[in-house]
């Protein structure tokens, strides 16, 4: 009798866990797509700095938009730094592992499950952060269209906007 009650519950739990694992794997595997989406949004947004800078003096909503954009830029920078560090760490770990392997006989060809699981967790964490930043940038890109900024493609305006962010970053210690 208990088996008749427990079995459907176990099947449901297994189905939920399988679906969750599938979603998590899709997230990690889809990180490159998210990075391309972030890059695309940044390219679209970088064309408006002069108009936004000029309008922020008169329009509080534009000033808020620029502040949100700066926050996302800082977060993107942080996530990309974390991703770069993870890549370098992985390369360093692999080089160290290869060096150890060449110095001694290896008993097992399979890596430790803990080590593999740890790498997956870290990749998942970075993928989740990239997806979150990408979603925030999507909202900002939609708001950019809502404000109807004039588009500029000149390099100097983009450089000016970037220097404005860097100046603000150094003033606030980000």
N, C-alpha and C. Protein backbone atom coordinates (compact mmCIF):
# COMPACT_ATOMS: atom_id res chain seq x y z
N UNK A 1 0.82 -1.20 0.00
CA UNK A 1 0.00 0.00 0.00
C UNK A 1 0.87 1.26 0.00
N UNK A 2 1.87 1.28 0.87
CA UNK A 2 2.76 2.44 0.94
C UNK A 2 3.50 2.60 -0.38
N UNK A 3 3.83 1.46 -1.00
CA UNK A 3 4.53 1.50 -2.27
C UNK A 3 3.67 2.17 -3.34
N UNK A 4 2.38 1.94 -3.31
CA UNK A 4 1.46 2.55 -4.27
C UNK A 4 1.41 4.07 -4.10
N UNK A 5 1.61 4.55 -2.91
CA UNK A 5 1.62 6.00 -2.66
C UNK A 5 2.98 6.62 -2.96
N UNK A 6 4.03 5.91 -2.58
CA UNK A 6 5.39 6.45 -2.71
C UNK A 6 5.86 6.43 -4.16
N UNK A 7 5.54 5.39 -4.90
CA UNK A 7 6.02 5.25 -6.26
C UNK A 7 5.65 6.43 -7.17
N UNK A 8 4.39 6.87 -7.20
CA UNK A 8 4.06 8.03 -8.03
C UNK A 8 4.79 9.31 -7.58
N UNK A 9 4.96 9.44 -6.26
CA UNK A 9 5.69 10.61 -5.76
C UNK A 9 7.15 10.58 -6.21
N UNK A 10 7.77 9.42 -6.13
CA UNK A 10 9.15 9.28 -6.58
C UNK A 10 9.28 9.57 -8.07
N UNK A 11 8.32 9.09 -8.84
CA UNK A 11 8.33 9.36 -10.28
C UNK A 11 8.21 10.86 -10.55
N UNK A 12 7.34 11.52 -9.82
CA UNK A 12 7.16 12.96 -10.00
C UNK A 12 8.42 13.72 -9.59
N UNK A 13 9.01 13.34 -8.47
CA UNK A 13 10.25 13.99 -8.02
C UNK A 13 11.36 13.77 -9.04
N UNK A 14 11.47 12.55 -9.55
CA UNK A 14 12.49 12.24 -10.56
C UNK A 14 12.27 13.08 -11.81
N UNK A 15 11.03 13.21 -12.23
CA UNK A 15 10.71 14.02 -13.41
C UNK A 15 11.08 15.48 -13.18
N UNK A 16 10.77 16.01 -12.00
CA UNK A 16 11.09 17.41 -11.67
C UNK A 16 12.60 17.61 -11.64
N UNK A 17 13.31 16.70 -10.98
CA UNK A 17 14.77 16.82 -10.89
C UNK A 17 15.40 16.73 -12.27
N UNK A 18 14.93 15.80 -13.09
CA UNK A 18 15.46 15.66 -14.45
C UNK A 18 15.23 16.94 -15.25
N UNK A 19 14.05 17.50 -15.14
CA UNK A 19 13.75 18.75 -15.84
C UNK A 19 14.65 19.88 -15.34
N UNK A 20 14.85 19.96 -14.03
CA UNK A 20 15.70 21.01 -13.45
C UNK A 20 17.14 20.86 -13.92
N UNK A 21 17.66 19.63 -13.91
CA UNK A 21 19.03 19.39 -14.37
C UNK A 21 19.15 19.76 -15.84
N UNK A 22 18.15 19.41 -16.63
CA UNK A 22 18.16 19.76 -18.06
C UNK A 22 18.22 21.28 -18.24
N UNK A 23 17.43 22.02 -17.47
CA UNK A 23 17.43 23.49 -17.55
C UNK A 23 18.79 24.06 -17.16
N UNK A 24 19.40 23.50 -16.12
CA UNK A 24 20.71 23.98 -15.66
C UNK A 24 21.78 23.72 -16.71
N UNK A 25 21.73 22.55 -17.34
CA UNK A 25 22.70 22.22 -18.39
C UNK A 25 22.51 23.16 -19.57
N UNK A 26 21.25 23.43 -19.94
CA UNK A 26 20.98 24.38 -21.03
C UNK A 26 21.55 25.75 -20.71
N UNK A 27 21.44 26.16 -19.45
CA UNK A 27 21.97 27.46 -19.04
C UNK A 27 23.48 27.51 -19.25
N UNK A 28 24.18 26.50 -18.78
CA UNK A 28 25.64 26.48 -18.91
C UNK A 28 26.04 26.38 -20.38
N UNK A 29 25.33 25.55 -21.13
CA UNK A 29 25.67 25.37 -22.54
C UNK A 29 25.31 26.61 -23.37
N UNK A 30 24.33 27.38 -22.93
CA UNK A 30 23.88 28.54 -23.69
C UNK A 30 24.57 29.84 -23.32
N UNK A 31 25.63 29.76 -22.52
CA UNK A 31 26.28 30.98 -22.05
C UNK A 31 26.88 31.77 -23.21
N UNK A 32 27.39 31.08 -24.22
CA UNK A 32 27.99 31.78 -25.35
C UNK A 32 26.94 32.61 -26.09
N UNK A 33 25.74 32.06 -26.22
CA UNK A 33 24.63 32.78 -26.86
C UNK A 33 24.30 34.04 -26.06
N UNK A 34 24.28 33.92 -24.73
CA UNK A 34 24.00 35.08 -23.87
C UNK A 34 25.08 36.15 -24.02
N UNK A 35 26.33 35.72 -24.12
CA UNK A 35 27.43 36.68 -24.29
C UNK A 35 27.28 37.42 -25.61
N UNK A 36 26.89 36.72 -26.67
CA UNK A 36 26.66 37.39 -27.96
C UNK A 36 25.49 38.37 -27.86
N UNK A 37 24.47 37.99 -27.10
CA UNK A 37 23.31 38.89 -26.91
C UNK A 37 23.73 40.14 -26.15
N UNK A 38 24.54 39.97 -25.12
CA UNK A 38 25.06 41.12 -24.36
C UNK A 38 25.85 42.02 -25.30
N UNK A 39 26.72 41.44 -26.10
CA UNK A 39 27.53 42.21 -27.04
C UNK A 39 26.66 42.97 -28.02
N UNK A 40 25.63 42.33 -28.54
CA UNK A 40 24.72 42.97 -29.48
C UNK A 40 24.01 44.17 -28.84
N UNK A 41 23.52 43.98 -27.62
CA UNK A 41 22.86 45.08 -26.91
C UNK A 41 23.82 46.23 -26.63
N UNK A 42 25.05 45.89 -26.25
CA UNK A 42 26.03 46.94 -25.98
C UNK A 42 26.33 47.75 -27.24
N UNK A 43 26.42 47.06 -28.38
CA UNK A 43 26.66 47.77 -29.64
C UNK A 43 25.51 48.71 -29.96
N UNK A 44 24.28 48.28 -29.70
CA UNK A 44 23.11 49.13 -29.96
C UNK A 44 23.08 50.32 -29.00
N UNK A 45 23.44 50.08 -27.76
CA UNK A 45 23.38 51.15 -26.75
C UNK A 45 24.51 52.15 -26.92
N UNK A 46 25.67 51.70 -27.39
CA UNK A 46 26.82 52.60 -27.47
C UNK A 46 26.62 53.74 -28.47
N UNK A 47 25.59 53.64 -29.28
CA UNK A 47 25.35 54.67 -30.29
C UNK A 47 24.61 55.88 -29.75
N UNK A 48 24.25 55.92 -28.47
CA UNK A 48 23.43 57.01 -27.95
C UNK A 48 24.07 57.88 -26.87
N UNK A 49 25.35 57.78 -26.57
CA UNK A 49 25.88 58.48 -25.39
C UNK A 49 25.75 60.00 -25.41
N UNK A 50 25.97 60.63 -26.55
CA UNK A 50 25.95 62.10 -26.57
C UNK A 50 24.55 62.64 -26.29
N UNK A 51 23.56 62.07 -26.95
CA UNK A 51 22.19 62.52 -26.75
C UNK A 51 21.75 62.23 -25.31
N UNK A 52 22.07 61.06 -24.80
CA UNK A 52 21.70 60.71 -23.42
C UNK A 52 22.40 61.63 -22.43
N UNK A 53 23.66 61.89 -22.67
CA UNK A 53 24.42 62.77 -21.77
C UNK A 53 23.81 64.17 -21.74
N UNK A 54 23.44 64.66 -22.90
CA UNK A 54 22.84 65.99 -23.00
C UNK A 54 21.47 66.03 -22.33
N UNK A 55 20.66 65.00 -22.55
CA UNK A 55 19.30 64.99 -22.03
C UNK A 55 19.22 64.71 -20.53
N UNK A 56 20.24 64.08 -19.97
CA UNK A 56 20.19 63.76 -18.54
C UNK A 56 20.18 65.02 -17.68
N UNK A 57 20.67 66.12 -18.23
CA UNK A 57 20.68 67.38 -17.48
C UNK A 57 19.27 67.92 -17.29
N UNK A 58 18.37 67.59 -18.23
CA UNK A 58 17.01 68.11 -18.17
C UNK A 58 15.99 67.06 -17.75
N UNK A 59 16.28 65.80 -17.98
CA UNK A 59 15.30 64.75 -17.75
C UNK A 59 15.82 63.75 -16.72
N UNK A 60 15.14 63.70 -15.58
CA UNK A 60 15.55 62.78 -14.52
C UNK A 60 15.45 61.31 -14.96
N UNK A 61 14.47 61.00 -15.78
CA UNK A 61 14.30 59.62 -16.24
C UNK A 61 15.51 59.17 -17.06
N UNK A 62 16.04 60.07 -17.87
CA UNK A 62 17.23 59.75 -18.67
C UNK A 62 18.44 59.58 -17.75
N UNK A 63 18.52 60.44 -16.74
CA UNK A 63 19.61 60.32 -15.77
C UNK A 63 19.54 58.96 -15.06
N UNK A 64 18.34 58.54 -14.68
CA UNK A 64 18.16 57.23 -14.05
C UNK A 64 18.56 56.11 -15.02
N UNK A 65 18.20 56.27 -16.29
CA UNK A 65 18.55 55.28 -17.31
C UNK A 65 20.06 55.16 -17.42
N UNK A 66 20.75 56.28 -17.46
CA UNK A 66 22.22 56.27 -17.55
C UNK A 66 22.82 55.60 -16.31
N UNK A 67 22.27 55.88 -15.14
CA UNK A 67 22.78 55.24 -13.92
C UNK A 67 22.58 53.73 -13.95
N UNK A 68 21.40 53.28 -14.44
CA UNK A 68 21.16 51.84 -14.57
C UNK A 68 22.15 51.23 -15.56
N UNK A 69 22.40 51.96 -16.64
CA UNK A 69 23.34 51.49 -17.65
C UNK A 69 24.74 51.35 -17.06
N UNK A 70 25.16 52.34 -16.29
CA UNK A 70 26.48 52.28 -15.64
C UNK A 70 26.57 51.08 -14.70
N UNK A 71 25.53 50.86 -13.91
CA UNK A 71 25.53 49.72 -12.99
C UNK A 71 25.67 48.40 -13.75
N UNK A 72 24.95 48.28 -14.85
CA UNK A 72 25.05 47.06 -15.65
C UNK A 72 26.44 46.93 -16.25
N UNK A 73 27.02 48.05 -16.71
CA UNK A 73 28.38 48.00 -17.24
C UNK A 73 29.36 47.49 -16.18
N UNK A 74 29.23 47.99 -14.96
CA UNK A 74 30.11 47.53 -13.88
C UNK A 74 29.90 46.05 -13.61
N UNK A 75 28.65 45.63 -13.61
CA UNK A 75 28.36 44.21 -13.37
C UNK A 75 28.88 43.33 -14.51
N UNK A 76 28.75 43.81 -15.74
CA UNK A 76 29.29 43.07 -16.89
C UNK A 76 30.80 42.94 -16.73
N UNK A 77 31.44 44.03 -16.36
CA UNK A 77 32.88 44.02 -16.16
C UNK A 77 33.27 43.01 -15.08
N UNK A 78 32.53 42.99 -13.99
CA UNK A 78 32.81 42.04 -12.90
C UNK A 78 32.63 40.59 -13.36
N UNK A 79 31.55 40.32 -14.07
CA UNK A 79 31.29 38.95 -14.52
C UNK A 79 32.35 38.52 -15.53
N UNK A 80 32.72 39.41 -16.44
CA UNK A 80 33.75 39.05 -17.42
C UNK A 80 35.09 38.83 -16.74
N UNK A 81 35.40 39.63 -15.71
CA UNK A 81 36.62 39.39 -14.93
C UNK A 81 36.59 38.02 -14.28
N UNK A 82 35.46 37.70 -13.67
CA UNK A 82 35.31 36.40 -13.01
C UNK A 82 35.45 35.26 -14.02
N UNK A 83 34.85 35.44 -15.18
CA UNK A 83 34.93 34.43 -16.23
C UNK A 83 36.38 34.26 -16.70
N UNK A 84 37.07 35.38 -16.94
CA UNK A 84 38.47 35.33 -17.36
C UNK A 84 39.34 34.64 -16.32
N UNK A 85 39.12 34.97 -15.05
CA UNK A 85 39.88 34.33 -13.98
C UNK A 85 39.62 32.83 -13.95
N UNK A 86 38.37 32.44 -14.15
CA UNK A 86 38.03 31.01 -14.14
C UNK A 86 38.72 30.29 -15.30
N UNK A 87 38.77 30.94 -16.46
CA UNK A 87 39.45 30.33 -17.61
C UNK A 87 40.93 30.19 -17.33
N UNK A 88 41.55 31.25 -16.80
CA UNK A 88 42.98 31.18 -16.47
C UNK A 88 43.25 30.13 -15.41
N UNK A 89 42.39 30.06 -14.40
CA UNK A 89 42.57 29.06 -13.34
C UNK A 89 42.47 27.66 -13.92
N UNK A 90 41.49 27.44 -14.78
CA UNK A 90 41.34 26.12 -15.40
C UNK A 90 42.58 25.75 -16.21
N UNK A 91 43.10 26.73 -16.97
CA UNK A 91 44.30 26.46 -17.77
C UNK A 91 45.49 26.16 -16.87
N UNK A 92 45.64 26.94 -15.80
CA UNK A 92 46.74 26.73 -14.86
C UNK A 92 46.60 25.37 -14.18
N UNK A 93 45.39 25.03 -13.76
CA UNK A 93 45.15 23.73 -13.13
C UNK A 93 45.46 22.58 -14.09
N UNK A 94 45.07 22.74 -15.35
CA UNK A 94 45.33 21.69 -16.34
C UNK A 94 46.82 21.53 -16.59
N UNK A 95 47.54 22.67 -16.66
CA UNK A 95 48.99 22.61 -16.84
C UNK A 95 49.65 21.93 -15.65
N UNK A 96 49.22 22.28 -14.45
CA UNK A 96 49.79 21.67 -13.25
C UNK A 96 49.47 20.17 -13.22
N UNK A 97 48.25 19.82 -13.61
CA UNK A 97 47.85 18.42 -13.63
C UNK A 97 48.68 17.64 -14.64
N UNK A 98 48.88 18.23 -15.83
CA UNK A 98 49.68 17.58 -16.86
C UNK A 98 51.12 17.39 -16.40
N UNK A 99 51.62 18.37 -15.67
CA UNK A 99 52.98 18.28 -15.14
C UNK A 99 53.09 17.15 -14.13
N UNK A 100 52.11 17.04 -13.25
CA UNK A 100 52.10 15.97 -12.25
C UNK A 100 51.99 14.60 -12.92
N UNK A 101 51.13 14.51 -13.93
CA UNK A 101 50.92 13.24 -14.62
C UNK A 101 52.21 12.78 -15.29
N UNK A 102 52.95 13.70 -15.86
CA UNK A 102 54.18 13.32 -16.54
C UNK A 102 55.26 12.90 -15.54
N UNK A 103 55.15 13.33 -14.29
CA UNK A 103 56.16 13.01 -13.29
C UNK A 103 55.88 11.69 -12.58
N UNK A 104 54.64 11.25 -12.54
CA UNK A 104 54.32 10.02 -11.82
C UNK A 104 53.31 9.19 -12.58
N UNK A 105 53.23 7.96 -12.21
CA UNK A 105 52.29 7.03 -12.82
C UNK A 105 50.88 7.33 -12.32
N UNK A 106 49.92 7.30 -13.22
CA UNK A 106 48.54 7.60 -12.84
C UNK A 106 47.78 6.29 -12.68
N UNK A 107 47.08 6.18 -11.55
CA UNK A 107 46.31 4.96 -11.28
C UNK A 107 44.95 4.99 -11.95
N UNK A 108 44.37 6.17 -12.04
CA UNK A 108 43.02 6.27 -12.57
C UNK A 108 42.99 7.31 -13.68
N UNK A 109 42.26 7.00 -14.73
CA UNK A 109 42.12 7.94 -15.82
C UNK A 109 40.90 8.83 -15.65
N UNK A 110 40.10 8.55 -14.66
CA UNK A 110 38.90 9.34 -14.41
C UNK A 110 39.17 10.43 -13.39
N UNK A 111 38.77 11.66 -13.69
CA UNK A 111 38.95 12.73 -12.71
C UNK A 111 38.02 12.52 -11.51
N UNK A 112 38.39 13.12 -10.43
CA UNK A 112 37.58 13.03 -9.22
C UNK A 112 36.19 13.62 -9.47
N UNK A 113 35.13 12.91 -9.05
CA UNK A 113 33.77 13.45 -9.23
C UNK A 113 33.59 14.79 -8.52
N UNK A 114 34.23 14.96 -7.37
CA UNK A 114 34.12 16.24 -6.65
C UNK A 114 34.70 17.37 -7.48
N UNK A 115 35.85 17.10 -8.12
CA UNK A 115 36.50 18.13 -8.93
C UNK A 115 35.61 18.51 -10.10
N UNK A 116 35.05 17.51 -10.78
CA UNK A 116 34.17 17.78 -11.93
C UNK A 116 32.93 18.55 -11.49
N UNK A 117 32.34 18.14 -10.38
CA UNK A 117 31.14 18.79 -9.87
C UNK A 117 31.43 20.24 -9.50
N UNK A 118 32.60 20.48 -8.92
CA UNK A 118 33.00 21.83 -8.53
C UNK A 118 33.12 22.73 -9.77
N UNK A 119 33.70 22.20 -10.85
CA UNK A 119 33.83 22.97 -12.08
C UNK A 119 32.46 23.31 -12.67
N UNK A 120 31.55 22.35 -12.65
CA UNK A 120 30.21 22.57 -13.18
C UNK A 120 29.48 23.63 -12.36
N UNK A 121 29.61 23.58 -11.05
CA UNK A 121 28.96 24.57 -10.19
C UNK A 121 29.49 25.96 -10.50
N UNK A 122 30.81 26.09 -10.66
CA UNK A 122 31.39 27.41 -10.95
C UNK A 122 30.93 27.91 -12.33
N UNK A 123 30.92 27.03 -13.31
CA UNK A 123 30.45 27.42 -14.65
C UNK A 123 28.99 27.84 -14.60
N UNK A 124 28.20 27.10 -13.83
CA UNK A 124 26.78 27.43 -13.70
C UNK A 124 26.62 28.81 -13.06
N UNK A 125 27.41 29.09 -12.04
CA UNK A 125 27.32 30.38 -11.35
C UNK A 125 27.64 31.53 -12.31
N UNK A 126 28.68 31.37 -13.10
CA UNK A 126 29.04 32.41 -14.07
C UNK A 126 27.96 32.53 -15.14
N UNK A 127 27.46 31.40 -15.63
CA UNK A 127 26.40 31.43 -16.65
C UNK A 127 25.16 32.13 -16.12
N UNK A 128 24.80 31.86 -14.86
CA UNK A 128 23.64 32.50 -14.25
C UNK A 128 23.84 34.01 -14.17
N UNK A 129 25.05 34.44 -13.79
CA UNK A 129 25.33 35.88 -13.70
C UNK A 129 25.28 36.53 -15.07
N UNK A 130 25.82 35.86 -16.08
CA UNK A 130 25.78 36.41 -17.44
C UNK A 130 24.34 36.52 -17.91
N UNK A 131 23.53 35.51 -17.64
CA UNK A 131 22.12 35.56 -18.04
C UNK A 131 21.40 36.70 -17.33
N UNK A 132 21.66 36.88 -16.05
CA UNK A 132 21.02 37.95 -15.29
C UNK A 132 21.41 39.32 -15.85
N UNK A 133 22.69 39.52 -16.12
CA UNK A 133 23.15 40.79 -16.68
C UNK A 133 22.56 41.00 -18.06
N UNK A 134 22.47 39.93 -18.84
CA UNK A 134 21.89 40.02 -20.17
C UNK A 134 20.43 40.45 -20.11
N UNK A 135 19.68 39.90 -19.17
CA UNK A 135 18.27 40.28 -19.02
C UNK A 135 18.14 41.74 -18.61
N UNK A 136 18.99 42.20 -17.70
CA UNK A 136 18.95 43.61 -17.29
C UNK A 136 19.30 44.51 -18.46
N UNK A 137 20.27 44.09 -19.26
CA UNK A 137 20.67 44.89 -20.42
C UNK A 137 19.56 44.91 -21.47
N UNK A 138 18.82 43.82 -21.60
CA UNK A 138 17.65 43.79 -22.51
C UNK A 138 16.65 44.88 -22.13
N UNK A 139 16.38 44.98 -20.84
CA UNK A 139 15.43 45.99 -20.35
C UNK A 139 15.95 47.39 -20.68
N UNK A 140 17.23 47.62 -20.44
CA UNK A 140 17.83 48.93 -20.71
C UNK A 140 17.79 49.24 -22.20
N UNK A 141 18.05 48.24 -23.04
CA UNK A 141 17.99 48.44 -24.49
C UNK A 141 16.58 48.80 -24.94
N UNK A 142 15.58 48.17 -24.34
CA UNK A 142 14.19 48.50 -24.68
C UNK A 142 13.85 49.92 -24.23
N UNK A 143 14.36 50.30 -23.07
CA UNK A 143 14.13 51.67 -22.58
C UNK A 143 14.83 52.68 -23.49
N UNK A 144 15.97 52.30 -24.04
CA UNK A 144 16.69 53.18 -24.97
C UNK A 144 15.79 53.52 -26.14
N UNK A 145 15.12 52.53 -26.66
CA UNK A 145 14.20 52.76 -27.78
C UNK A 145 13.03 53.63 -27.34
N UNK A 146 12.58 53.44 -26.11
CA UNK A 146 11.45 54.21 -25.59
C UNK A 146 11.79 55.71 -25.49
N UNK A 147 13.03 56.01 -25.13
CA UNK A 147 13.43 57.41 -25.00
C UNK A 147 13.70 58.08 -26.35
N UNK A 148 13.84 57.29 -27.40
CA UNK A 148 14.03 57.85 -28.73
C UNK A 148 15.31 58.66 -28.86
N UNK A 149 16.39 58.14 -28.31
CA UNK A 149 17.67 58.84 -28.41
C UNK A 149 18.11 58.95 -29.87
N UNK A 150 18.81 60.04 -30.16
CA UNK A 150 19.41 60.19 -31.48
C UNK A 150 20.64 59.30 -31.52
N UNK A 151 20.82 58.61 -32.65
CA UNK A 151 21.92 57.67 -32.76
C UNK A 151 23.15 58.34 -33.34
N UNK A 152 24.27 58.07 -32.73
CA UNK A 152 25.56 58.55 -33.21
C UNK A 152 26.48 57.35 -33.32
N UNK A 153 27.24 57.30 -34.38
CA UNK A 153 28.16 56.19 -34.57
C UNK A 153 29.62 56.64 -34.47
N UNK A 154 29.84 57.89 -34.19
CA UNK A 154 31.21 58.40 -34.14
C UNK A 154 31.96 57.79 -32.97
N UNK A 155 33.20 57.47 -33.20
CA UNK A 155 34.03 56.85 -32.17
C UNK A 155 34.26 57.80 -31.00
N UNK A 156 34.42 59.09 -31.29
CA UNK A 156 34.70 60.03 -30.21
C UNK A 156 33.60 60.07 -29.16
N UNK A 157 32.34 60.00 -29.60
CA UNK A 157 31.25 60.03 -28.63
C UNK A 157 31.28 58.78 -27.75
N UNK A 158 31.54 57.65 -28.36
CA UNK A 158 31.62 56.41 -27.59
C UNK A 158 32.77 56.48 -26.61
N UNK A 159 33.92 56.97 -27.07
CA UNK A 159 35.07 57.12 -26.18
C UNK A 159 34.75 58.07 -25.03
N UNK A 160 34.01 59.14 -25.33
CA UNK A 160 33.64 60.09 -24.29
C UNK A 160 32.76 59.44 -23.23
N UNK A 161 31.82 58.64 -23.69
CA UNK A 161 30.92 57.95 -22.76
C UNK A 161 31.70 56.96 -21.90
N UNK A 162 32.60 56.22 -22.52
CA UNK A 162 33.41 55.26 -21.78
C UNK A 162 34.29 55.99 -20.77
N UNK A 163 34.88 57.11 -21.17
CA UNK A 163 35.71 57.86 -20.21
C UNK A 163 34.86 58.43 -19.08
N UNK A 164 33.61 58.80 -19.38
CA UNK A 164 32.71 59.28 -18.34
C UNK A 164 32.45 58.17 -17.32
N UNK A 165 32.25 56.95 -17.79
CA UNK A 165 32.02 55.81 -16.90
C UNK A 165 33.28 55.53 -16.10
N UNK A 166 34.44 55.56 -16.76
CA UNK A 166 35.69 55.29 -16.04
C UNK A 166 35.95 56.37 -14.99
N UNK A 167 35.64 57.61 -15.32
CA UNK A 167 35.83 58.70 -14.36
C UNK A 167 34.91 58.48 -13.17
N UNK A 168 33.67 58.13 -13.45
CA UNK A 168 32.71 57.87 -12.38
C UNK A 168 33.14 56.66 -11.56
N UNK A 169 33.67 55.66 -12.23
CA UNK A 169 34.13 54.44 -11.55
C UNK A 169 35.27 54.77 -10.59
N UNK A 170 36.20 55.61 -11.02
CA UNK A 170 37.33 55.94 -10.15
C UNK A 170 36.89 56.82 -8.98
N UNK A 171 35.87 57.64 -9.20
CA UNK A 171 35.38 58.51 -8.12
C UNK A 171 34.66 57.71 -7.05
N UNK A 172 33.95 56.65 -7.46
CA UNK A 172 33.15 55.87 -6.53
C UNK A 172 33.87 54.61 -6.07
N UNK A 173 35.05 54.33 -6.61
CA UNK A 173 35.83 53.19 -6.19
C UNK A 173 35.26 51.84 -6.57
N UNK A 174 34.60 51.74 -7.72
CA UNK A 174 34.03 50.45 -8.17
C UNK A 174 35.14 49.57 -8.67
